Amino acid sequence: MFNIPIMAITIFSTYSDKDHNKDVKTPVIIGSWIPLKRVAVDAEGNEKVDLFDTCTKKGSLRFFKNGQLTLKSFECINGNCEEEYNLNGTYVLDEEHLTLTIQGETNIATIYRLTENTLRIGQHDSEAATTIDRKKSNAYTYSEYQRIG
């Protein structure tokens, strides 16, 4: 089984909150996106923001009109920015979720925001999910991407 690291695309649950994704328009996702940050939001709405470094921002997530995608990730190893992986896959977008299939593994991301220049996708907080009904908890984590083309 292949797991995509959280900085690129979090391994996802199907939790959704319609207030988070009012802006979703299917054609808007087409194009190239770079990772900016990862944000953890607790049940009270407090945010912990981790900004990605320059090397990580060399990565990209690219969506094509035909349902194909490419995912490229970089990481700093011993002071050198190196490509971690370059993968191809498919995606399906609906009003609340982004379903990704890469190397035969399918994951479902919750879309927290999708506008012309911002993509926020992530997961419901799994720690909260073990103690609270998923639909009642507001804790979640997302990665934010910026459109580059």
N, C-alpha and C. Protein backbone atom coordinates (compact mmCIF):
# COMPACT_ATOMS: atom_id res chain seq x y z
N MET A 1 0.85 -1.17 0.00
CA MET A 1 0.00 0.00 0.00
C MET A 1 0.89 1.23 0.00
N PHE A 2 0.53 2.23 -0.75
CA PHE A 2 1.31 3.46 -0.88
C PHE A 2 0.63 4.58 -0.13
N ASN A 3 1.36 5.25 0.73
CA ASN A 3 0.81 6.39 1.47
C ASN A 3 1.45 7.66 0.98
N ILE A 4 0.66 8.64 0.62
CA ILE A 4 1.14 9.93 0.17
C ILE A 4 1.39 10.78 1.40
N PRO A 5 2.60 11.35 1.58
CA PRO A 5 2.88 12.13 2.78
C PRO A 5 1.93 13.30 2.96
N ILE A 6 1.72 13.69 4.22
CA ILE A 6 0.75 14.72 4.56
C ILE A 6 1.07 16.06 3.92
N MET A 7 2.35 16.35 3.69
CA MET A 7 2.66 17.64 3.10
C MET A 7 2.14 17.74 1.67
N ALA A 8 2.05 16.65 0.99
CA ALA A 8 1.57 16.69 -0.39
C ALA A 8 0.06 16.61 -0.43
N ILE A 9 -0.47 15.54 0.09
CA ILE A 9 -1.91 15.37 0.19
C ILE A 9 -2.11 14.48 1.40
N THR A 10 -2.87 14.93 2.33
CA THR A 10 -3.09 14.18 3.54
C THR A 10 -3.85 12.90 3.23
N ILE A 11 -3.63 11.86 4.00
CA ILE A 11 -4.44 10.66 3.84
C ILE A 11 -5.78 10.99 4.50
N PHE A 12 -6.81 10.78 3.75
CA PHE A 12 -8.06 11.48 3.99
C PHE A 12 -9.17 10.64 4.61
N SER A 13 -10.08 11.35 5.27
CA SER A 13 -11.33 10.73 5.69
C SER A 13 -12.45 11.38 4.91
N THR A 14 -13.66 10.93 5.13
CA THR A 14 -14.79 11.47 4.38
C THR A 14 -15.59 12.49 5.16
N TYR A 15 -15.05 13.00 6.25
CA TYR A 15 -15.72 14.05 7.01
C TYR A 15 -15.94 15.26 6.11
N SER A 16 -17.09 15.88 6.24
CA SER A 16 -17.30 17.12 5.47
C SER A 16 -18.11 18.10 6.28
N ASP A 17 -17.90 19.36 5.99
CA ASP A 17 -18.64 20.45 6.60
C ASP A 17 -18.96 21.42 5.48
N LYS A 18 -20.21 21.50 5.09
CA LYS A 18 -20.59 22.31 3.93
C LYS A 18 -20.18 23.77 4.05
N ASP A 19 -20.00 24.28 5.29
CA ASP A 19 -19.58 25.67 5.45
C ASP A 19 -18.16 25.89 4.94
N HIS A 20 -17.35 24.84 4.90
CA HIS A 20 -15.96 24.98 4.49
C HIS A 20 -15.80 25.08 2.98
N ASN A 21 -16.75 24.61 2.18
CA ASN A 21 -16.49 24.49 0.76
C ASN A 21 -17.56 25.12 -0.11
N LYS A 22 -18.06 26.26 0.29
CA LYS A 22 -19.11 26.93 -0.46
C LYS A 22 -18.66 27.37 -1.85
N ASP A 23 -17.32 27.52 -2.05
CA ASP A 23 -16.80 28.09 -3.28
C ASP A 23 -16.52 27.05 -4.37
N VAL A 24 -16.80 25.79 -4.15
CA VAL A 24 -16.37 24.73 -5.07
C VAL A 24 -17.02 24.88 -6.45
N LYS A 25 -16.16 24.87 -7.47
CA LYS A 25 -16.57 24.86 -8.86
C LYS A 25 -15.66 23.89 -9.58
N THR A 26 -16.21 22.85 -10.17
CA THR A 26 -15.41 21.78 -10.75
C THR A 26 -14.30 22.25 -11.67
N PRO A 27 -14.52 23.13 -12.65
CA PRO A 27 -13.43 23.49 -13.55
C PRO A 27 -12.28 24.26 -12.89
N VAL A 28 -12.51 24.83 -11.71
CA VAL A 28 -11.50 25.65 -11.06
C VAL A 28 -10.26 24.84 -10.68
N ILE A 29 -10.38 23.56 -10.42
CA ILE A 29 -9.25 22.77 -9.96
C ILE A 29 -8.22 22.49 -11.06
N ILE A 30 -8.62 22.57 -12.32
CA ILE A 30 -7.72 22.29 -13.43
C ILE A 30 -6.54 23.25 -13.39
N GLY A 31 -5.32 22.71 -13.43
CA GLY A 31 -4.11 23.54 -13.41
C GLY A 31 -3.08 23.01 -12.44
N SER A 32 -2.06 23.83 -12.19
CA SER A 32 -0.95 23.46 -11.32
C SER A 32 -1.03 24.21 -10.00
N TRP A 33 -0.72 23.50 -8.92
CA TRP A 33 -0.80 24.04 -7.57
C TRP A 33 0.49 23.71 -6.82
N ILE A 34 0.97 24.64 -5.98
CA ILE A 34 2.13 24.37 -5.14
C ILE A 34 1.70 24.37 -3.67
N PRO A 35 2.35 23.51 -2.86
CA PRO A 35 2.01 23.46 -1.44
C PRO A 35 2.56 24.66 -0.69
N LEU A 36 1.74 25.27 0.17
CA LEU A 36 2.16 26.43 0.95
C LEU A 36 2.33 26.12 2.43
N LYS A 37 1.32 25.42 2.99
CA LYS A 37 1.33 25.18 4.43
C LYS A 37 0.40 24.04 4.80
N ARG A 38 0.61 23.56 6.02
CA ARG A 38 -0.30 22.59 6.62
C ARG A 38 -0.88 23.23 7.87
N VAL A 39 -2.19 23.10 8.06
CA VAL A 39 -2.87 23.74 9.18
C VAL A 39 -3.67 22.68 9.94
N ALA A 40 -3.48 22.66 11.25
CA ALA A 40 -4.29 21.81 12.13
C ALA A 40 -5.24 22.72 12.89
N VAL A 41 -6.52 22.43 12.82
CA VAL A 41 -7.55 23.23 13.50
C VAL A 41 -8.19 22.35 14.56
N ASP A 42 -8.14 22.80 15.82
CA ASP A 42 -8.74 21.99 16.87
C ASP A 42 -10.24 22.23 16.96
N ALA A 43 -10.90 21.51 17.82
CA ALA A 43 -12.37 21.56 17.92
C ALA A 43 -12.88 22.95 18.30
N GLU A 44 -12.03 23.77 18.93
CA GLU A 44 -12.43 25.12 19.31
C GLU A 44 -12.13 26.14 18.21
N GLY A 45 -11.51 25.71 17.12
CA GLY A 45 -11.20 26.62 16.02
C GLY A 45 -9.81 27.23 16.07
N ASN A 46 -8.99 26.83 17.05
CA ASN A 46 -7.61 27.33 17.13
C ASN A 46 -6.76 26.66 16.05
N GLU A 47 -5.91 27.44 15.38
CA GLU A 47 -5.10 26.92 14.29
C GLU A 47 -3.63 26.82 14.67
N LYS A 48 -3.00 25.72 14.24
CA LYS A 48 -1.55 25.56 14.33
C LYS A 48 -1.07 25.48 12.89
N VAL A 49 -0.29 26.47 12.47
CA VAL A 49 0.14 26.59 11.08
C VAL A 49 1.60 26.18 10.93
N ASP A 50 1.88 25.28 10.00
CA ASP A 50 3.25 24.89 9.63
C ASP A 50 3.47 25.32 8.19
N LEU A 51 4.28 26.37 8.00
CA LEU A 51 4.60 26.84 6.65
C LEU A 51 5.63 25.91 6.04
N PHE A 52 5.45 25.56 4.76
CA PHE A 52 6.41 24.70 4.08
C PHE A 52 7.65 25.50 3.69
N ASP A 53 8.80 24.85 3.71
CA ASP A 53 10.04 25.52 3.34
C ASP A 53 10.15 25.65 1.82
N THR A 54 11.18 26.36 1.36
CA THR A 54 11.38 26.62 -0.06
C THR A 54 11.49 25.33 -0.87
N CYS A 55 12.16 24.34 -0.31
CA CYS A 55 12.32 23.06 -1.02
C CYS A 55 10.96 22.38 -1.22
N THR A 56 10.19 22.28 -0.16
CA THR A 56 8.87 21.64 -0.24
C THR A 56 7.98 22.35 -1.25
N LYS A 57 8.11 23.68 -1.33
CA LYS A 57 7.30 24.46 -2.27
C LYS A 57 7.66 24.21 -3.73
N LYS A 58 8.74 23.48 -3.99
CA LYS A 58 9.06 23.09 -5.37
C LYS A 58 8.15 21.97 -5.86
N GLY A 59 7.47 21.33 -4.93
CA GLY A 59 6.53 20.27 -5.28
C GLY A 59 5.33 20.85 -6.01
N SER A 60 4.54 19.97 -6.61
CA SER A 60 3.35 20.44 -7.31
C SER A 60 2.29 19.35 -7.37
N LEU A 61 1.09 19.81 -7.53
CA LEU A 61 -0.07 18.96 -7.73
C LEU A 61 -0.74 19.53 -8.97
N ARG A 62 -0.84 18.72 -10.03
CA ARG A 62 -1.38 19.22 -11.30
C ARG A 62 -2.57 18.38 -11.72
N PHE A 63 -3.69 19.07 -11.98
CA PHE A 63 -4.93 18.43 -12.40
C PHE A 63 -5.19 18.75 -13.87
N PHE A 64 -5.52 17.72 -14.64
CA PHE A 64 -5.82 17.87 -16.07
C PHE A 64 -7.31 17.69 -16.31
N LYS A 65 -7.81 18.24 -17.41
CA LYS A 65 -9.24 18.16 -17.75
C LYS A 65 -9.74 16.74 -17.89
N ASN A 66 -8.87 15.82 -18.30
CA ASN A 66 -9.28 14.44 -18.56
C ASN A 66 -9.33 13.56 -17.31
N GLY A 67 -9.20 14.16 -16.12
CA GLY A 67 -9.27 13.39 -14.88
C GLY A 67 -7.94 12.82 -14.43
N GLN A 68 -6.87 13.15 -15.13
CA GLN A 68 -5.53 12.70 -14.75
C GLN A 68 -4.90 13.74 -13.83
N LEU A 69 -3.89 13.30 -13.05
CA LEU A 69 -3.15 14.21 -12.19
C LEU A 69 -1.70 13.77 -12.11
N THR A 70 -0.84 14.72 -11.75
CA THR A 70 0.55 14.41 -11.41
C THR A 70 0.83 15.01 -10.04
N LEU A 71 1.63 14.32 -9.27
CA LEU A 71 1.99 14.73 -7.92
C LEU A 71 3.50 14.64 -7.80
N LYS A 72 4.14 15.77 -7.55
CA LYS A 72 5.59 15.82 -7.42
C LYS A 72 5.92 16.39 -6.05
N SER A 73 6.84 15.73 -5.35
CA SER A 73 7.20 16.15 -4.00
C SER A 73 8.71 16.27 -3.87
N PHE A 74 9.14 17.30 -3.14
CA PHE A 74 10.56 17.52 -2.86
C PHE A 74 10.76 17.58 -1.36
N GLU A 75 11.96 17.15 -0.91
CA GLU A 75 12.31 17.28 0.49
C GLU A 75 13.79 17.60 0.62
N CYS A 76 14.12 18.24 1.72
CA CYS A 76 15.51 18.61 1.98
C CYS A 76 16.20 17.44 2.67
N ILE A 77 17.23 16.90 2.01
CA ILE A 77 17.99 15.78 2.56
C ILE A 77 19.45 16.21 2.66
N ASN A 78 19.98 16.23 3.88
CA ASN A 78 21.36 16.65 4.12
C ASN A 78 21.67 18.00 3.48
N GLY A 79 20.73 18.93 3.55
CA GLY A 79 20.93 20.27 3.02
C GLY A 79 20.67 20.41 1.54
N ASN A 80 20.31 19.31 0.86
CA ASN A 80 20.03 19.36 -0.57
C ASN A 80 18.55 19.14 -0.83
N CYS A 81 17.99 19.94 -1.72
CA CYS A 81 16.59 19.79 -2.09
C CYS A 81 16.50 18.72 -3.17
N GLU A 82 15.87 17.59 -2.84
CA GLU A 82 15.81 16.46 -3.76
C GLU A 82 14.37 16.04 -4.01
N GLU A 83 14.13 15.57 -5.23
CA GLU A 83 12.80 15.07 -5.56
C GLU A 83 12.54 13.79 -4.76
N GLU A 84 11.44 13.79 -4.05
CA GLU A 84 11.05 12.63 -3.24
C GLU A 84 10.29 11.62 -4.10
N TYR A 85 9.36 12.12 -4.90
CA TYR A 85 8.63 11.28 -5.83
C TYR A 85 7.95 12.12 -6.90
N ASN A 86 7.59 11.46 -8.00
CA ASN A 86 6.87 12.07 -9.12
C ASN A 86 5.88 11.01 -9.58
N LEU A 87 4.61 11.18 -9.27
CA LEU A 87 3.60 10.15 -9.49
C LEU A 87 2.49 10.63 -10.41
N ASN A 88 1.85 9.69 -11.07
CA ASN A 88 0.67 9.95 -11.89
C ASN A 88 -0.51 9.23 -11.30
N GLY A 89 -1.69 9.76 -11.53
CA GLY A 89 -2.90 9.12 -11.04
C GLY A 89 -4.12 9.74 -11.67
N THR A 90 -5.26 9.48 -11.04
CA THR A 90 -6.53 10.01 -11.52
C THR A 90 -7.25 10.68 -10.34
N TYR A 91 -8.23 11.53 -10.69
CA TYR A 91 -9.02 12.18 -9.65
C TYR A 91 -10.46 12.32 -10.11
N VAL A 92 -11.34 12.42 -9.11
CA VAL A 92 -12.75 12.73 -9.33
C VAL A 92 -13.10 13.79 -8.30
N LEU A 93 -13.72 14.87 -8.75
CA LEU A 93 -14.08 15.98 -7.89
C LEU A 93 -15.59 16.10 -7.80
N ASP A 94 -16.10 16.23 -6.57
CA ASP A 94 -17.51 16.56 -6.40
C ASP A 94 -17.59 17.78 -5.48
N GLU A 95 -18.75 18.14 -5.03
CA GLU A 95 -18.92 19.37 -4.25
C GLU A 95 -18.19 19.35 -2.91
N GLU A 96 -17.93 18.18 -2.35
CA GLU A 96 -17.34 18.09 -1.03
C GLU A 96 -16.01 17.35 -0.97
N HIS A 97 -15.74 16.51 -1.96
CA HIS A 97 -14.59 15.62 -1.87
C HIS A 97 -13.77 15.60 -3.15
N LEU A 98 -12.50 15.26 -2.97
CA LEU A 98 -11.58 15.03 -4.06
C LEU A 98 -11.08 13.60 -3.88
N THR A 99 -11.47 12.72 -4.80
CA THR A 99 -11.07 11.32 -4.73
C THR A 99 -9.86 11.13 -5.62
N LEU A 100 -8.76 10.64 -5.04
CA LEU A 100 -7.51 10.46 -5.75
C LEU A 100 -7.15 8.99 -5.81
N THR A 101 -6.72 8.54 -6.96
CA THR A 101 -6.22 7.17 -7.10
C THR A 101 -4.80 7.27 -7.65
N ILE A 102 -3.83 6.83 -6.83
CA ILE A 102 -2.42 6.88 -7.20
C ILE A 102 -1.82 5.53 -6.86
N GLN A 103 -1.17 4.92 -7.83
CA GLN A 103 -0.56 3.60 -7.69
C GLN A 103 -1.55 2.58 -7.12
N GLY A 104 -2.77 2.64 -7.61
CA GLY A 104 -3.79 1.67 -7.22
C GLY A 104 -4.46 1.93 -5.88
N GLU A 105 -4.02 2.93 -5.15
CA GLU A 105 -4.63 3.25 -3.85
C GLU A 105 -5.53 4.46 -3.99
N THR A 106 -6.76 4.33 -3.51
CA THR A 106 -7.72 5.42 -3.58
C THR A 106 -7.89 6.06 -2.22
N ASN A 107 -7.80 7.39 -2.19
CA ASN A 107 -7.98 8.17 -0.97
C ASN A 107 -9.00 9.27 -1.25
N ILE A 108 -9.75 9.63 -0.23
CA ILE A 108 -10.76 10.68 -0.38
C ILE A 108 -10.40 11.85 0.53
N ALA A 109 -10.22 13.01 -0.08
CA ALA A 109 -9.91 14.23 0.67
C ALA A 109 -11.17 15.06 0.80
N THR A 110 -11.29 15.73 1.92
CA THR A 110 -12.34 16.72 2.08
C THR A 110 -11.85 18.03 1.51
N ILE A 111 -12.69 18.69 0.73
CA ILE A 111 -12.35 20.00 0.19
C ILE A 111 -12.85 21.04 1.18
N TYR A 112 -11.92 21.76 1.79
CA TYR A 112 -12.29 22.80 2.73
C TYR A 112 -12.42 24.15 2.04
N ARG A 113 -11.71 24.33 0.93
CA ARG A 113 -11.84 25.56 0.15
C ARG A 113 -11.27 25.31 -1.24
N LEU A 114 -11.98 25.77 -2.24
CA LEU A 114 -11.49 25.72 -3.62
C LEU A 114 -11.97 26.98 -4.31
N THR A 115 -11.02 27.89 -4.58
CA THR A 115 -11.32 29.11 -5.30
C THR A 115 -10.37 29.18 -6.49
N GLU A 116 -10.39 30.26 -7.20
CA GLU A 116 -9.53 30.41 -8.37
C GLU A 116 -8.05 30.24 -8.03
N ASN A 117 -7.63 30.65 -6.82
CA ASN A 117 -6.21 30.61 -6.47
C ASN A 117 -5.86 29.82 -5.22
N THR A 118 -6.84 29.30 -4.51
CA THR A 118 -6.58 28.59 -3.26
C THR A 118 -7.27 27.22 -3.25
N LEU A 119 -6.50 26.20 -2.85
CA LEU A 119 -7.03 24.85 -2.69
C LEU A 119 -6.65 24.39 -1.29
N ARG A 120 -7.66 24.04 -0.48
CA ARG A 120 -7.43 23.49 0.84
C ARG A 120 -8.09 22.12 0.89
N ILE A 121 -7.27 21.09 1.05
CA ILE A 121 -7.79 19.73 1.15
C ILE A 121 -7.16 19.05 2.35
N GLY A 122 -7.91 18.16 2.97
CA GLY A 122 -7.37 17.49 4.13
C GLY A 122 -8.24 16.42 4.70
N GLN A 123 -8.15 16.30 6.01
CA GLN A 123 -8.83 15.21 6.70
C GLN A 123 -9.37 15.66 8.03
N HIS A 124 -10.35 14.92 8.48
CA HIS A 124 -10.87 15.09 9.83
C HIS A 124 -9.80 14.59 10.78
N ASP A 125 -9.68 15.19 11.94
CA ASP A 125 -8.67 14.80 12.91
C ASP A 125 -8.95 13.39 13.42
N SER A 126 -8.04 12.46 13.14
CA SER A 126 -8.26 11.07 13.52
C SER A 126 -8.23 10.87 15.03
N GLU A 127 -7.50 11.68 15.76
CA GLU A 127 -7.48 11.57 17.21
C GLU A 127 -8.85 11.90 17.78
N ALA A 128 -9.47 12.96 17.29
CA ALA A 128 -10.82 13.32 17.74
C ALA A 128 -11.82 12.27 17.32
N ALA A 129 -11.58 11.66 16.16
CA ALA A 129 -12.51 10.66 15.64
C ALA A 129 -12.56 9.42 16.52
N THR A 130 -11.51 9.17 17.29
CA THR A 130 -11.52 8.00 18.15
C THR A 130 -12.32 8.23 19.42
N THR A 131 -12.55 9.50 19.77
CA THR A 131 -13.25 9.79 21.02
C THR A 131 -14.59 10.48 20.83
N ILE A 132 -14.83 11.03 19.67
CA ILE A 132 -16.05 11.79 19.41
C ILE A 132 -16.60 11.36 18.05
N ASP A 133 -17.89 11.36 17.93
CA ASP A 133 -18.50 11.09 16.63
C ASP A 133 -17.92 12.06 15.61
N ARG A 134 -17.41 11.55 14.49
CA ARG A 134 -16.77 12.37 13.47
C ARG A 134 -17.61 13.57 13.05
N LYS A 135 -18.88 13.41 12.87
CA LYS A 135 -19.72 14.49 12.36
C LYS A 135 -19.96 15.57 13.41
N LYS A 136 -19.71 15.28 14.67
CA LYS A 136 -19.91 16.27 15.72
C LYS A 136 -18.65 17.06 16.03
N SER A 137 -17.48 16.51 15.67
CA SER A 137 -16.22 17.18 15.95
C SER A 137 -15.87 18.15 14.84
N ASN A 138 -15.27 19.27 15.21
CA ASN A 138 -14.85 20.27 14.23
C ASN A 138 -13.35 20.25 13.99
N ALA A 139 -12.60 19.33 14.61
CA ALA A 139 -11.15 19.27 14.45
C ALA A 139 -10.80 18.66 13.09
N TYR A 140 -9.84 19.29 12.41
CA TYR A 140 -9.40 18.78 11.12
C TYR A 140 -8.02 19.33 10.77
N THR A 141 -7.39 18.74 9.78
CA THR A 141 -6.10 19.17 9.27
C THR A 141 -6.22 19.31 7.78
N TYR A 142 -5.61 20.37 7.23
CA TYR A 142 -5.62 20.51 5.78
C TYR A 142 -4.28 21.04 5.28
N SER A 143 -4.01 20.77 4.01
CA SER A 143 -2.87 21.36 3.32
C SER A 143 -3.42 22.42 2.38
N GLU A 144 -2.72 23.55 2.32
CA GLU A 144 -3.16 24.63 1.45
C GLU A 144 -2.20 24.75 0.27
N TYR A 145 -2.78 24.88 -0.91
CA TYR A 145 -2.04 25.01 -2.15
C TYR A 145 -2.41 26.33 -2.82
N GLN A 146 -1.46 26.87 -3.59
CA GLN A 146 -1.69 28.09 -4.37
C GLN A 146 -1.56 27.75 -5.84
N ARG A 147 -2.46 28.28 -6.64
CA ARG A 147 -2.40 28.04 -8.08
C ARG A 147 -1.17 28.75 -8.66
N ILE A 148 -0.47 28.05 -9.56
CA ILE A 148 0.66 28.65 -10.26
C ILE A 148 0.46 28.62 -11.77
N GLY A 149 -0.59 27.99 -12.19
CA GLY A 149 -0.83 27.94 -13.64
C GLY A 149 -1.99 27.06 -14.01
